Amino acid sequence: MASATPVIVYPPAEDGGRRIRIGDHFVGIAYRVTDIAAYVQEAGLQDWDEMDVVRSGLIEWRGGGPEAWEH
């Protein structure tokens, strides 16, 4: 994953899951910030953790920030 690749976290669904897109690809559903960190790690940023996800300008949060997990 290039450092300029956007990560989009979509609004929570009814079950609290949030779709995650990295670049042009949907990579899965996250139910907590640690899930997003795992997807970003799989995409190439192995040293990222949940604090990196919360603080990064690379992450675009739609429908609420990292604290929003309910529909």
C-alpha atoms as a PDB file:
ATOM      1  CA  MET A   1       0.000   0.000   0.000  1.00  0.00           C
ATOM      2  CA  ALA A   2       1.472   3.309  -0.983  1.00  0.00           C
ATOM      3  CA  SER A   3       1.381   5.943   1.724  1.00  0.00           C
ATOM      4  CA  ALA A   4      -0.894   8.078  -0.477  1.00  0.00           C
ATOM      5  CA  THR A   5      -3.495   5.307  -0.958  1.00  0.00           C
ATOM      6  CA  PRO A   6      -6.750   6.510   0.591  1.00  0.00           C
ATOM      7  CA  VAL A   7      -8.544   4.395   3.156  1.00  0.00           C
ATOM      8  CA  ILE A   8     -12.278   5.049   3.406  1.00  0.00           C
ATOM      9  CA  VAL A   9     -14.304   3.883   6.384  1.00  0.00           C
ATOM     10  CA  TYR A  10     -18.005   3.964   5.536  1.00  0.00           C
ATOM     11  CA  PRO A  11     -20.839   4.702   7.995  1.00  0.00           C
ATOM     12  CA  PRO A  12     -21.930   1.950  10.365  1.00  0.00           C
ATOM     13  CA  ALA A  13     -24.454  -0.581   9.056  1.00  0.00           C
ATOM     14  CA  GLU A  14     -27.308  -1.860  11.187  1.00  0.00           C
ATOM     15  CA  ASP A  15     -25.040  -4.498  12.750  1.00  0.00           C
ATOM     16  CA  GLY A  16     -22.375  -1.883  13.596  1.00  0.00           C
ATOM     17  CA  GLY A  17     -19.961  -3.042  10.904  1.00  0.00           C
ATOM     18  CA  ARG A  18     -18.284  -0.467   8.697  1.00  0.00           C
ATOM     19  CA  ARG A  19     -17.197  -1.259   5.128  1.00  0.00           C
ATOM     20  CA  ILE A  20     -13.530  -0.539   4.462  1.00  0.00           C
ATOM     21  CA  ARG A  21     -12.105   0.486   1.110  1.00  0.00           C
ATOM     22  CA  ILE A  22      -8.403   0.839   0.429  1.00  0.00           C
ATOM     23  CA  GLY A  23      -7.730   2.509  -2.894  1.00  0.00           C
ATOM     24  CA  ASP A  24     -10.182   1.078  -5.410  1.00  0.00           C
ATOM     25  CA  HIS A  25     -10.905  -2.146  -3.489  1.00  0.00           C
ATOM     26  CA  PHE A  26     -13.336  -3.019  -0.734  1.00  0.00           C
ATOM     27  CA  VAL A  27     -11.313  -5.109   1.687  1.00  0.00           C
ATOM     28  CA  GLY A  28     -13.932  -6.076   4.252  1.00  0.00           C
ATOM     29  CA  ILE A  29     -16.061  -5.077   7.207  1.00  0.00           C
ATOM     30  CA  ALA A  30     -14.640  -3.707  10.452  1.00  0.00           C
ATOM     31  CA  TYR A  31     -16.357  -3.835  13.831  1.00  0.00           C
ATOM     32  CA  ARG A  32     -13.651  -1.946  15.727  1.00  0.00           C
ATOM     33  CA  VAL A  33     -10.558   0.153  15.073  1.00  0.00           C
ATOM     34  CA  THR A  34      -8.285  -2.872  15.517  1.00  0.00           C
ATOM     35  CA  ASP A  35     -10.012  -4.490  12.515  1.00  0.00           C
ATOM     36  CA  ILE A  36      -9.151  -1.451  10.386  1.00  0.00           C
ATOM     37  CA  ALA A  37      -5.547  -1.633  11.588  1.00  0.00           C
ATOM     38  CA  ALA A  38      -5.432  -5.283  10.467  1.00  0.00           C
ATOM     39  CA  TYR A  39      -6.708  -4.406   6.978  1.00  0.00           C
ATOM     40  CA  VAL A  40      -4.150  -1.599   6.662  1.00  0.00           C
ATOM     41  CA  GLN A  41      -1.390  -3.964   7.818  1.00  0.00           C
ATOM     42  CA  GLU A  42      -2.423  -6.516   5.178  1.00  0.00           C
ATOM     43  CA  ALA A  43      -2.268  -3.727   2.595  1.00  0.00           C
ATOM     44  CA  GLY A  44       1.385  -3.082   3.395  1.00  0.00           C
ATOM     45  CA  LEU A  45       1.712  -0.918   6.492  1.00  0.00           C
ATOM     46  CA  GLN A  46       2.674  -3.732   8.854  1.00  0.00           C
ATOM     47  CA  ASP A  47       3.801  -1.469  11.684  1.00  0.00           C
ATOM     48  CA  TRP A  48       0.463   0.354  11.993  1.00  0.00           C
ATOM     49  CA  ASP A  49      -1.706  -0.102  15.062  1.00  0.00           C
ATOM     50  CA  GLU A  50      -5.065   1.278  16.144  1.00  0.00           C
ATOM     51  CA  MET A  51      -3.550   4.601  17.287  1.00  0.00           C
ATOM     52  CA  ASP A  52      -2.072   5.129  13.816  1.00  0.00           C
ATOM     53  CA  VAL A  53      -5.525   4.503  12.330  1.00  0.00           C
ATOM     54  CA  VAL A  54      -7.191   6.991  14.671  1.00  0.00           C
ATOM     55  CA  ARG A  55      -4.590   9.743  14.105  1.00  0.00           C
ATOM     56  CA  SER A  56      -3.852   9.319  10.396  1.00  0.00           C
ATOM     57  CA  GLY A  57      -4.954  11.782   7.759  1.00  0.00           C
ATOM     58  CA  LEU A  58      -4.836   8.821   5.351  1.00  0.00           C
ATOM     59  CA  ILE A  59      -8.131   7.544   6.807  1.00  0.00           C
ATOM     60  CA  GLU A  60     -11.361   9.168   5.613  1.00  0.00           C
ATOM     61  CA  TRP A  61     -14.121   8.546   8.139  1.00  0.00           C
ATOM     62  CA  ARG A  62     -17.637   8.788   6.715  1.00  0.00           C
ATOM     63  CA  GLY A  63     -20.659   8.831   8.983  1.00  0.00           C
ATOM     64  CA  GLY A  64     -18.651   9.404  12.161  1.00  0.00           C
ATOM     65  CA  GLY A  65     -15.121   9.006  13.336  1.00  0.00           C
ATOM     66  CA  PRO A  66     -13.338   6.122  15.020  1.00  0.00           C
ATOM     67  CA  GLU A  67     -15.749   6.176  17.960  1.00  0.00           C
ATOM     68  CA  ALA A  68     -18.899   5.632  15.800  1.00  0.00           C
ATOM     69  CA  TRP A  69     -19.828   1.940  15.569  1.00  0.00           C
ATOM     70  CA  GLU A  70     -23.616   2.016  15.956  1.00  0.00           C
ATOM     71  CA  HIS A  71     -26.173   2.626  13.243  1.00  0.00           C
END
